[in-house]
Amino acid sequence: MDISMIYYIVPSLIMFCCGIYGFVTRKNMIAMLISLELMLNAVDINFVVFNRYLFPGQLEGMFFTLFAIAIAAAETALAIAIIINLFRGSKNIDATEINKLKD
């Protein structure tokens, strides 16, 4: 029995919407980074699902997802390094307080 595509798309849509909500409403940069990762994971799920249902014999969606995961890991490492440096300078990681570092 084959599972319908909608059973994968709906949770992915919910994940993406939760990521958008978290990114827009949070002020903490770590929470914003987690929300961004949630959105990227939802997109990766869509890549795999659309590849499986539209092109069942090919693996382009799988390879693109692996590439996106590797890029997301590098992006996360770089973002955490930047956040740590900001915290060392201002003892605060609130995104609304970043402009105070210009002084």
PDB file of N, CA and C in Angstrom:
ATOM      1  N   MET A   1       0.842  -1.175   0.000  1.00  0.00           N
ATOM      2  CA  MET A   1       0.000   0.000   0.000  1.00  0.00           C
ATOM      3  C   MET A   1       0.894   1.247   0.000  1.00  0.00           C
ATOM      4  N   ASP A   2       0.632   2.145  -0.902  1.00  0.00           N
ATOM      5  CA  ASP A   2       1.433   3.353  -1.055  1.00  0.00           C
ATOM      6  C   ASP A   2       0.793   4.511  -0.290  1.00  0.00           C
ATOM      7  N   ILE A   3       1.618   5.225   0.439  1.00  0.00           N
ATOM      8  CA  ILE A   3       1.121   6.369   1.211  1.00  0.00           C
ATOM      9  C   ILE A   3       1.009   7.575   0.289  1.00  0.00           C
ATOM     10  N   SER A   4      -0.062   8.320   0.422  1.00  0.00           N
ATOM     11  CA  SER A   4      -0.300   9.487  -0.413  1.00  0.00           C
ATOM     12  C   SER A   4       0.692  10.606  -0.081  1.00  0.00           C
ATOM     13  N   MET A   5       0.934  11.439  -1.067  1.00  0.00           N
ATOM     14  CA  MET A   5       1.879  12.542  -0.906  1.00  0.00           C
ATOM     15  C   MET A   5       1.410  13.542   0.154  1.00  0.00           C
ATOM     16  N   ILE A   6       0.123  13.678   0.336  1.00  0.00           N
ATOM     17  CA  ILE A   6      -0.422  14.671   1.265  1.00  0.00           C
ATOM     18  C   ILE A   6      -0.002  14.386   2.704  1.00  0.00           C
ATOM     19  N   TYR A   7       0.242  13.112   3.029  1.00  0.00           N
ATOM     20  CA  TYR A   7       0.657  12.753   4.380  1.00  0.00           C
ATOM     21  C   TYR A   7       2.077  13.219   4.697  1.00  0.00           C
ATOM     22  N   TYR A   8       2.849  13.543   3.676  1.00  0.00           N
ATOM     23  CA  TYR A   8       4.181  14.111   3.864  1.00  0.00           C
ATOM     24  C   TYR A   8       4.161  15.633   3.750  1.00  0.00           C
ATOM     25  N   ILE A   9       3.338  16.149   2.877  1.00  0.00           N
ATOM     26  CA  ILE A   9       3.322  17.585   2.610  1.00  0.00           C
ATOM     27  C   ILE A   9       2.718  18.369   3.776  1.00  0.00           C
ATOM     28  N   VAL A  10       1.654  17.850   4.374  1.00  0.00           N
ATOM     29  CA  VAL A  10       1.001  18.580   5.470  1.00  0.00           C
ATOM     30  C   VAL A  10       1.927  18.751   6.680  1.00  0.00           C
ATOM     31  N   PRO A  11       2.614  17.701   7.172  1.00  0.00           N
ATOM     32  CA  PRO A  11       3.555  17.938   8.276  1.00  0.00           C
ATOM     33  C   PRO A  11       4.703  18.870   7.890  1.00  0.00           C
ATOM     34  N   SER A  12       5.143  18.771   6.638  1.00  0.00           N
ATOM     35  CA  SER A  12       6.191  19.672   6.174  1.00  0.00           C
ATOM     36  C   SER A  12       5.707  21.120   6.159  1.00  0.00           C
ATOM     37  N   LEU A  13       4.472  21.336   5.736  1.00  0.00           N
ATOM     38  CA  LEU A  13       3.896  22.675   5.752  1.00  0.00           C
ATOM     39  C   LEU A  13       3.758  23.192   7.182  1.00  0.00           C
ATOM     40  N   ILE A  14       3.340  22.339   8.088  1.00  0.00           N
ATOM     41  CA  ILE A  14       3.218  22.743   9.494  1.00  0.00           C
ATOM     42  C   ILE A  14       4.592  23.102  10.063  1.00  0.00           C
ATOM     43  N   MET A  15       5.610  22.296   9.751  1.00  0.00           N
ATOM     44  CA  MET A  15       6.968  22.600  10.201  1.00  0.00           C
ATOM     45  C   MET A  15       7.441  23.943   9.659  1.00  0.00           C
ATOM     46  N   PHE A  16       7.185  24.179   8.373  1.00  0.00           N
ATOM     47  CA  PHE A  16       7.628  25.429   7.761  1.00  0.00           C
ATOM     48  C   PHE A  16       6.920  26.626   8.383  1.00  0.00           C
ATOM     49  N   CYS A  17       5.617  26.506   8.617  1.00  0.00           N
ATOM     50  CA  CYS A  17       4.863  27.605   9.228  1.00  0.00           C
ATOM     51  C   CYS A  17       5.325  27.865  10.671  1.00  0.00           C
ATOM     52  N   CYS A  18       5.618  26.810  11.411  1.00  0.00           N
ATOM     53  CA  CYS A  18       6.147  26.979  12.767  1.00  0.00           C
ATOM     54  C   CYS A  18       7.503  27.668  12.734  1.00  0.00           C
ATOM     55  N   GLY A  19       8.317  27.328  11.730  1.00  0.00           N
ATOM     56  CA  GLY A  19       9.617  27.981  11.583  1.00  0.00           C
ATOM     57  C   GLY A  19       9.478  29.460  11.262  1.00  0.00           C
ATOM     58  N   ILE A  20       8.555  29.796  10.377  1.00  0.00           N
ATOM     59  CA  ILE A  20       8.321  31.209  10.058  1.00  0.00           C
ATOM     60  C   ILE A  20       7.827  31.964  11.287  1.00  0.00           C
ATOM     61  N   TYR A  21       6.871  31.372  11.990  1.00  0.00           N
ATOM     62  CA  TYR A  21       6.341  32.017  13.198  1.00  0.00           C
ATOM     63  C   TYR A  21       7.449  32.222  14.232  1.00  0.00           C
ATOM     64  N   GLY A  22       8.263  31.213  14.446  1.00  0.00           N
ATOM     65  CA  GLY A  22       9.352  31.335  15.411  1.00  0.00           C
ATOM     66  C   GLY A  22      10.379  32.364  15.002  1.00  0.00           C
ATOM     67  N   PHE A  23      10.687  32.431  13.709  1.00  0.00           N
ATOM     68  CA  PHE A  23      11.680  33.394  13.239  1.00  0.00           C
ATOM     69  C   PHE A  23      11.181  34.825  13.372  1.00  0.00           C
ATOM     70  N   VAL A  24       9.907  35.043  13.090  1.00  0.00           N
ATOM     71  CA  VAL A  24       9.357  36.400  13.124  1.00  0.00           C
ATOM     72  C   VAL A  24       9.112  36.871  14.558  1.00  0.00           C
ATOM     73  N   THR A  25       8.712  35.996  15.444  1.00  0.00           N
ATOM     74  CA  THR A  25       8.314  36.418  16.788  1.00  0.00           C
ATOM     75  C   THR A  25       9.444  36.404  17.812  1.00  0.00           C
ATOM     76  N   ARG A  26      10.523  35.709  17.573  1.00  0.00           N
ATOM     77  CA  ARG A  26      11.595  35.606  18.561  1.00  0.00           C
ATOM     78  C   ARG A  26      12.569  36.758  18.441  1.00  0.00           C
ATOM     79  N   LYS A  27      13.166  37.117  19.583  1.00  0.00           N
ATOM     80  CA  LYS A  27      14.216  38.127  19.594  1.00  0.00           C
ATOM     81  C   LYS A  27      15.582  37.507  19.848  1.00  0.00           C
ATOM     82  N   ASN A  28      15.603  36.334  20.447  1.00  0.00           N
ATOM     83  CA  ASN A  28      16.837  35.635  20.740  1.00  0.00           C
ATOM     84  C   ASN A  28      17.393  35.046  19.445  1.00  0.00           C
ATOM     85  N   MET A  29      18.670  35.293  19.169  1.00  0.00           N
ATOM     86  CA  MET A  29      19.246  34.841  17.904  1.00  0.00           C
ATOM     87  C   MET A  29      19.376  33.327  17.829  1.00  0.00           C
ATOM     88  N   ILE A  30      19.567  32.655  18.952  1.00  0.00           N
ATOM     89  CA  ILE A  30      19.622  31.192  18.943  1.00  0.00           C
ATOM     90  C   ILE A  30      18.250  30.625  18.560  1.00  0.00           C
ATOM     91  N   ALA A  31      17.194  31.178  19.120  1.00  0.00           N
ATOM     92  CA  ALA A  31      15.842  30.723  18.774  1.00  0.00           C
ATOM     93  C   ALA A  31      15.536  31.015  17.309  1.00  0.00           C
ATOM     94  N   MET A  32      16.012  32.136  16.800  1.00  0.00           N
ATOM     95  CA  MET A  32      15.823  32.447  15.382  1.00  0.00           C
ATOM     96  C   MET A  32      16.572  31.439  14.503  1.00  0.00           C
ATOM     97  N   LEU A  33      17.763  31.050  14.938  1.00  0.00           N
ATOM     98  CA  LEU A  33      18.540  30.067  14.190  1.00  0.00           C
ATOM     99  C   LEU A  33      17.844  28.707  14.185  1.00  0.00           C
ATOM    100  N   ILE A  34      17.282  28.310  15.312  1.00  0.00           N
ATOM    101  CA  ILE A  34      16.543  27.046  15.386  1.00  0.00           C
ATOM    102  C   ILE A  34      15.325  27.091  14.469  1.00  0.00           C
ATOM    103  N   SER A  35      14.635  28.216  14.434  1.00  0.00           N
ATOM    104  CA  SER A  35      13.478  28.359  13.544  1.00  0.00           C
ATOM    105  C   SER A  35      13.893  28.278  12.084  1.00  0.00           C
ATOM    106  N   LEU A  36      15.019  28.864  11.757  1.00  0.00           N
ATOM    107  CA  LEU A  36      15.531  28.790  10.392  1.00  0.00           C
ATOM    108  C   LEU A  36      15.861  27.350  10.016  1.00  0.00           C
ATOM    109  N   GLU A  37      16.454  26.616  10.934  1.00  0.00           N
ATOM    110  CA  GLU A  37      16.757  25.204  10.676  1.00  0.00           C
ATOM    111  C   GLU A  37      15.483  24.389  10.495  1.00  0.00           C
ATOM    112  N   LEU A  38      14.448  24.726  11.232  1.00  0.00           N
ATOM    113  CA  LEU A  38      13.166  24.040  11.081  1.00  0.00           C
ATOM    114  C   LEU A  38      12.597  24.265   9.682  1.00  0.00           C
ATOM    115  N   MET A  39      12.714  25.487   9.185  1.00  0.00           N
ATOM    116  CA  MET A  39      12.247  25.776   7.828  1.00  0.00           C
ATOM    117  C   MET A  39      13.065  25.016   6.785  1.00  0.00           C
ATOM    118  N   LEU A  40      14.373  24.955   6.973  1.00  0.00           N
ATOM    119  CA  LEU A  40      15.221  24.235   6.019  1.00  0.00           C
ATOM    120  C   LEU A  40      14.911  22.742   6.020  1.00  0.00           C
ATOM    121  N   ASN A  41      14.638  22.164   7.184  1.00  0.00           N
ATOM    122  CA  ASN A  41      14.283  20.744   7.249  1.00  0.00           C
ATOM    123  C   ASN A  41      12.946  20.472   6.567  1.00  0.00           C
ATOM    124  N   ALA A  42      12.017  21.390   6.686  1.00  0.00           N
ATOM    125  CA  ALA A  42      10.732  21.226   5.996  1.00  0.00           C
ATOM    126  C   ALA A  42      10.931  21.244   4.482  1.00  0.00           C
ATOM    127  N   VAL A  43      11.795  22.100   4.007  1.00  0.00           N
ATOM    128  CA  VAL A  43      12.085  22.150   2.566  1.00  0.00           C
ATOM    129  C   VAL A  43      12.773  20.862   2.117  1.00  0.00           C
ATOM    130  N   ASP A  44      13.681  20.342   2.939  1.00  0.00           N
ATOM    131  CA  ASP A  44      14.347  19.085   2.597  1.00  0.00           C
ATOM    132  C   ASP A  44      13.351  17.936   2.496  1.00  0.00           C
ATOM    133  N   ILE A  45      12.378  17.895   3.384  1.00  0.00           N
ATOM    134  CA  ILE A  45      11.336  16.870   3.300  1.00  0.00           C
ATOM    135  C   ILE A  45      10.579  16.989   1.977  1.00  0.00           C
ATOM    136  N   ASN A  46      10.283  18.209   1.570  1.00  0.00           N
ATOM    137  CA  ASN A  46       9.580  18.413   0.292  1.00  0.00           C
ATOM    138  C   ASN A  46      10.424  17.953  -0.893  1.00  0.00           C
ATOM    139  N   PHE A  47      11.729  18.210  -0.868  1.00  0.00           N
ATOM    140  CA  PHE A  47      12.596  17.745  -1.948  1.00  0.00           C
ATOM    141  C   PHE A  47      12.510  16.231  -2.104  1.00  0.00           C
ATOM    142  N   VAL A  48      12.604  15.538  -0.978  1.00  0.00           N
ATOM    143  CA  VAL A  48      12.577  14.073  -1.027  1.00  0.00           C
ATOM    144  C   VAL A  48      11.213  13.556  -1.488  1.00  0.00           C
ATOM    145  N   VAL A  49      10.149  14.134  -0.973  1.00  0.00           N
ATOM    146  CA  VAL A  49       8.806  13.663  -1.315  1.00  0.00           C
ATOM    147  C   VAL A  49       8.506  13.905  -2.793  1.00  0.00           C
ATOM    148  N   PHE A  50       8.790  15.101  -3.281  1.00  0.00           N
ATOM    149  CA  PHE A  50       8.512  15.381  -4.690  1.00  0.00           C
ATOM    150  C   PHE A  50       9.384  14.538  -5.607  1.00  0.00           C
ATOM    151  N   ASN A  51      10.620  14.281  -5.201  1.00  0.00           N
ATOM    152  CA  ASN A  51      11.464  13.405  -6.009  1.00  0.00           C
ATOM    153  C   ASN A  51      10.889  11.995  -6.056  1.00  0.00           C
ATOM    154  N   ARG A  52      10.415  11.504  -4.932  1.00  0.00           N
ATOM    155  CA  ARG A  52       9.896  10.130  -4.881  1.00  0.00           C
ATOM    156  C   ARG A  52       8.617   9.969  -5.697  1.00  0.00           C
ATOM    157  N   TYR A  53       7.753  10.957  -5.650  1.00  0.00           N
ATOM    158  CA  TYR A  53       6.461  10.822  -6.328  1.00  0.00           C
ATOM    159  C   TYR A  53       6.483  11.279  -7.781  1.00  0.00           C
ATOM    160  N   LEU A  54       7.300  12.254  -8.115  1.00  0.00           N
ATOM    161  CA  LEU A  54       7.315  12.742  -9.495  1.00  0.00           C
ATOM    162  C   LEU A  54       8.330  12.007 -10.364  1.00  0.00           C
ATOM    163  N   PHE A  55       9.471  11.649  -9.792  1.00  0.00           N
ATOM    164  CA  PHE A  55      10.535  10.954 -10.525  1.00  0.00           C
ATOM    165  C   PHE A  55      11.006   9.761  -9.695  1.00  0.00           C
ATOM    166  N   PRO A  56      10.211   8.690  -9.639  1.00  0.00           N
ATOM    167  CA  PRO A  56      10.495   7.600  -8.695  1.00  0.00           C
ATOM    168  C   PRO A  56      11.809   6.856  -8.935  1.00  0.00           C
ATOM    169  N   GLY A  57      12.315   6.825 -10.127  1.00  0.00           N
ATOM    170  CA  GLY A  57      13.538   6.077 -10.388  1.00  0.00           C
ATOM    171  C   GLY A  57      14.806   6.890 -10.265  1.00  0.00           C
ATOM    172  N   GLN A  58      14.697   8.163  -9.998  1.00  0.00           N
ATOM    173  CA  GLN A  58      15.867   9.040  -9.982  1.00  0.00           C
ATOM    174  C   GLN A  58      16.168   9.496  -8.565  1.00  0.00           C
ATOM    175  N   LEU A  59      17.395   9.970  -8.352  1.00  0.00           N
ATOM    176  CA  LEU A  59      17.828  10.348  -7.005  1.00  0.00           C
ATOM    177  C   LEU A  59      18.251  11.816  -6.895  1.00  0.00           C
ATOM    178  N   GLU A  60      17.855  12.655  -7.830  1.00  0.00           N
ATOM    179  CA  GLU A  60      18.292  14.054  -7.782  1.00  0.00           C
ATOM    180  C   GLU A  60      17.792  14.766  -6.534  1.00  0.00           C
ATOM    181  N   GLY A  61      16.555  14.520  -6.155  1.00  0.00           N
ATOM    182  CA  GLY A  61      16.016  15.148  -4.950  1.00  0.00           C
ATOM    183  C   GLY A  61      16.744  14.714  -3.696  1.00  0.00           C
ATOM    184  N   MET A  62      17.143  13.442  -3.652  1.00  0.00           N
ATOM    185  CA  MET A  62      17.894  12.932  -2.500  1.00  0.00           C
ATOM    186  C   MET A  62      19.267  13.588  -2.416  1.00  0.00           C
ATOM    187  N   PHE A  63      19.957  13.689  -3.566  1.00  0.00           N
ATOM    188  CA  PHE A  63      21.279  14.306  -3.568  1.00  0.00           C
ATOM    189  C   PHE A  63      21.194  15.790  -3.225  1.00  0.00           C
ATOM    190  N   PHE A  64      20.183  16.455  -3.737  1.00  0.00           N
ATOM    191  CA  PHE A  64      20.017  17.874  -3.422  1.00  0.00           C
ATOM    192  C   PHE A  64      19.729  18.064  -1.937  1.00  0.00           C
ATOM    193  N   THR A  65      18.970  17.149  -1.350  1.00  0.00           N
ATOM    194  CA  THR A  65      18.685  17.217   0.080  1.00  0.00           C
ATOM    195  C   THR A  65      19.950  17.008   0.895  1.00  0.00           C
ATOM    196  N   LEU A  66      20.780  16.044   0.515  1.00  0.00           N
ATOM    197  CA  LEU A  66      22.046  15.836   1.223  1.00  0.00           C
ATOM    198  C   LEU A  66      22.946  17.069   1.116  1.00  0.00           C
ATOM    199  N   PHE A  67      22.976  17.677  -0.059  1.00  0.00           N
ATOM    200  CA  PHE A  67      23.747  18.905  -0.248  1.00  0.00           C
ATOM    201  C   PHE A  67      23.187  20.029   0.621  1.00  0.00           C
ATOM    202  N   ALA A  68      21.870  20.155   0.691  1.00  0.00           N
ATOM    203  CA  ALA A  68      21.246  21.197   1.511  1.00  0.00           C
ATOM    204  C   ALA A  68      21.508  20.972   2.992  1.00  0.00           C
ATOM    205  N   ILE A  69      21.532  19.729   3.429  1.00  0.00           N
ATOM    206  CA  ILE A  69      21.839  19.433   4.835  1.00  0.00           C
ATOM    207  C   ILE A  69      23.279  19.822   5.155  1.00  0.00           C
ATOM    208  N   ALA A  70      24.207  19.528   4.234  1.00  0.00           N
ATOM    209  CA  ALA A  70      25.603  19.908   4.455  1.00  0.00           C
ATOM    210  C   ALA A  70      25.765  21.422   4.515  1.00  0.00           C
ATOM    211  N   ILE A  71      25.082  22.136   3.627  1.00  0.00           N
ATOM    212  CA  ILE A  71      25.146  23.602   3.645  1.00  0.00           C
ATOM    213  C   ILE A  71      24.521  24.143   4.926  1.00  0.00           C
ATOM    214  N   ALA A  72      23.413  23.548   5.372  1.00  0.00           N
ATOM    215  CA  ALA A  72      22.759  23.997   6.606  1.00  0.00           C
ATOM    216  C   ALA A  72      23.656  23.773   7.813  1.00  0.00           C
ATOM    217  N   ALA A  73      24.405  22.681   7.833  1.00  0.00           N
ATOM    218  CA  ALA A  73      25.326  22.432   8.943  1.00  0.00           C
ATOM    219  C   ALA A  73      26.439  23.475   8.969  1.00  0.00           C
ATOM    220  N   ALA A  74      26.978  23.802   7.809  1.00  0.00           N
ATOM    221  CA  ALA A  74      28.011  24.838   7.740  1.00  0.00           C
ATOM    222  C   ALA A  74      27.450  26.198   8.129  1.00  0.00           C
ATOM    223  N   GLU A  75      26.247  26.488   7.678  1.00  0.00           N
ATOM    224  CA  GLU A  75      25.604  27.764   8.017  1.00  0.00           C
ATOM    225  C   GLU A  75      25.354  27.862   9.522  1.00  0.00           C
ATOM    226  N   THR A  76      24.944  26.771  10.139  1.00  0.00           N
ATOM    227  CA  THR A  76      24.696  26.767  11.577  1.00  0.00           C
ATOM    228  C   THR A  76      25.988  26.988  12.356  1.00  0.00           C
ATOM    229  N   ALA A  77      27.051  26.331  11.943  1.00  0.00           N
ATOM    230  CA  ALA A  77      28.336  26.505  12.627  1.00  0.00           C
ATOM    231  C   ALA A  77      28.812  27.950  12.526  1.00  0.00           C
ATOM    232  N   LEU A  78      28.684  28.531  11.357  1.00  0.00           N
ATOM    233  CA  LEU A  78      29.088  29.924  11.174  1.00  0.00           C
ATOM    234  C   LEU A  78      28.201  30.868  11.973  1.00  0.00           C
ATOM    235  N   ALA A  79      26.895  30.637  11.970  1.00  0.00           N
ATOM    236  CA  ALA A  79      25.978  31.503  12.719  1.00  0.00           C
ATOM    237  C   ALA A  79      26.227  31.416  14.219  1.00  0.00           C
ATOM    238  N   ILE A  80      26.493  30.229  14.729  1.00  0.00           N
ATOM    239  CA  ILE A  80      26.782  30.094  16.166  1.00  0.00           C
ATOM    240  C   ILE A  80      28.083  30.804  16.511  1.00  0.00           C
ATOM    241  N   ALA A  81      29.086  30.731  15.641  1.00  0.00           N
ATOM    242  CA  ALA A  81      30.335  31.452  15.882  1.00  0.00           C
ATOM    243  C   ALA A  81      30.099  32.964  15.923  1.00  0.00           C
ATOM    244  N   ILE A  82      29.286  33.469  15.029  1.00  0.00           N
ATOM    245  CA  ILE A  82      28.967  34.898  15.027  1.00  0.00           C
ATOM    246  C   ILE A  82      28.200  35.278  16.283  1.00  0.00           C
ATOM    247  N   ILE A  83      27.245  34.461  16.683  1.00  0.00           N
ATOM    248  CA  ILE A  83      26.459  34.742  17.883  1.00  0.00           C
ATOM    249  C   ILE A  83      27.345  34.734  19.123  1.00  0.00           C
ATOM    250  N   ILE A  84      28.294  33.805  19.198  1.00  0.00           N
ATOM    251  CA  ILE A  84      29.209  33.769  20.342  1.00  0.00           C
ATOM    252  C   ILE A  84      30.059  35.028  20.387  1.00  0.00           C
ATOM    253  N   ASN A  85      30.551  35.482  19.244  1.00  0.00           N
ATOM    254  CA  ASN A  85      31.339  36.725  19.219  1.00  0.00           C
ATOM    255  C   ASN A  85      30.492  37.933  19.611  1.00  0.00           C
ATOM    256  N   LEU A  86      29.243  37.969  19.172  1.00  0.00           N
ATOM    257  CA  LEU A  86      28.361  39.069  19.583  1.00  0.00           C
ATOM    258  C   LEU A  86      28.103  39.026  21.084  1.00  0.00           C
ATOM    259  N   PHE A  87      27.941  37.830  21.623  1.00  0.00           N
ATOM    260  CA  PHE A  87      27.699  37.703  23.055  1.00  0.00           C
ATOM    261  C   PHE A  87      28.914  38.134  23.863  1.00  0.00           C
ATOM    262  N   ARG A  88      30.089  37.814  23.379  1.00  0.00           N
ATOM    263  CA  ARG A  88      31.311  38.242  24.088  1.00  0.00           C
ATOM    264  C   ARG A  88      31.440  39.762  24.126  1.00  0.00           C
ATOM    265  N   GLY A  89      30.995  40.409  23.067  1.00  0.00           N
ATOM    266  CA  GLY A  89      31.116  41.858  23.011  1.00  0.00           C
ATOM    267  C   GLY A  89      30.051  42.595  23.795  1.00  0.00           C
ATOM    268  N   SER A  90      28.837  42.093  23.829  1.00  0.00           N
ATOM    269  CA  SER A  90      27.751  42.860  24.437  1.00  0.00           C
ATOM    270  C   SER A  90      27.030  42.132  25.561  1.00  0.00           C
ATOM    271  N   LYS A  91      27.370  40.871  25.828  1.00  0.00           N
ATOM    272  CA  LYS A  91      26.697  40.056  26.857  1.00  0.00           C
ATOM    273  C   LYS A  91      25.196  39.957  26.614  1.00  0.00           C
ATOM    274  N   ASN A  92      24.801  40.004  25.338  1.00  0.00           N
ATOM    275  CA  ASN A  92      23.397  39.961  24.978  1.00  0.00           C
ATOM    276  C   ASN A  92      23.284  39.388  23.565  1.00  0.00           C
ATOM    277  N   ILE A  93      22.306  38.514  23.349  1.00  0.00           N
ATOM    278  CA  ILE A  93      22.098  37.984  22.001  1.00  0.00           C
ATOM    279  C   ILE A  93      20.703  38.326  21.493  1.00  0.00           C
ATOM    280  N   ASP A  94      20.173  39.418  21.991  1.00  0.00           N
ATOM    281  CA  ASP A  94      18.871  39.895  21.532  1.00  0.00           C
ATOM    282  C   ASP A  94      19.049  40.569  20.178  1.00  0.00           C
ATOM    283  N   ALA A  95      18.275  40.140  19.192  1.00  0.00           N
ATOM    284  CA  ALA A  95      18.432  40.654  17.830  1.00  0.00           C
ATOM    285  C   ALA A  95      18.092  42.126  17.719  1.00  0.00           C
ATOM    286  N   THR A  96      17.241  42.641  18.597  1.00  0.00           N
ATOM    287  CA  THR A  96      16.882  44.055  18.528  1.00  0.00           C
ATOM    288  C   THR A  96      17.974  44.957  19.109  1.00  0.00           C
ATOM    289  N   GLU A  97      18.919  44.384  19.836  1.00  0.00           N
ATOM    290  CA  GLU A  97      19.972  45.167  20.462  1.00  0.00           C
ATOM    291  C   GLU A  97      21.270  45.208  19.631  1.00  0.00           C
ATOM    292  N   ILE A  98      21.261  44.647  18.447  1.00  0.00           N
ATOM    293  CA  ILE A  98      22.475  44.564  17.630  1.00  0.00           C
ATOM    294  C   ILE A  98      22.963  45.954  17.228  1.00  0.00           C
ATOM    295  N   ASN A  99      22.084  46.894  16.992  1.00  0.00           N
ATOM    296  CA  ASN A  99      22.498  48.245  16.572  1.00  0.00           C
ATOM    297  C   ASN A  99      23.317  48.960  17.638  1.00  0.00           C
ATOM    298  N   LYS A 100      23.204  48.567  18.895  1.00  0.00           N
ATOM    299  CA  LYS A 100      23.984  49.190  19.960  1.00  0.00           C
ATOM    300  C   LYS A 100      25.458  48.852  19.858  1.00  0.00           C
ATOM    301  N   LEU A 101      25.823  47.821  19.105  1.00  0.00           N
ATOM    302  CA  LEU A 101      27.221  47.456  18.948  1.00  0.00           C
ATOM    303  C   LEU A 101      27.965  48.434  18.051  1.00  0.00           C
ATOM    304  N   LYS A 102      27.248  49.262  17.302  1.00  0.00           N
ATOM    305  CA  LYS A 102      27.896  50.227  16.405  1.00  0.00           C
ATOM    306  C   LYS A 102      28.590  51.333  17.186  1.00  0.00           C
ATOM    307  N   ASP A 103      28.136  51.612  18.388  1.00  0.00           N
ATOM    308  CA  ASP A 103      28.726  52.700  19.185  1.00  0.00           C
ATOM    309  C   ASP A 103      30.076  52.352  19.740  1.00  0.00           C
TER     310      ASP A 103
END
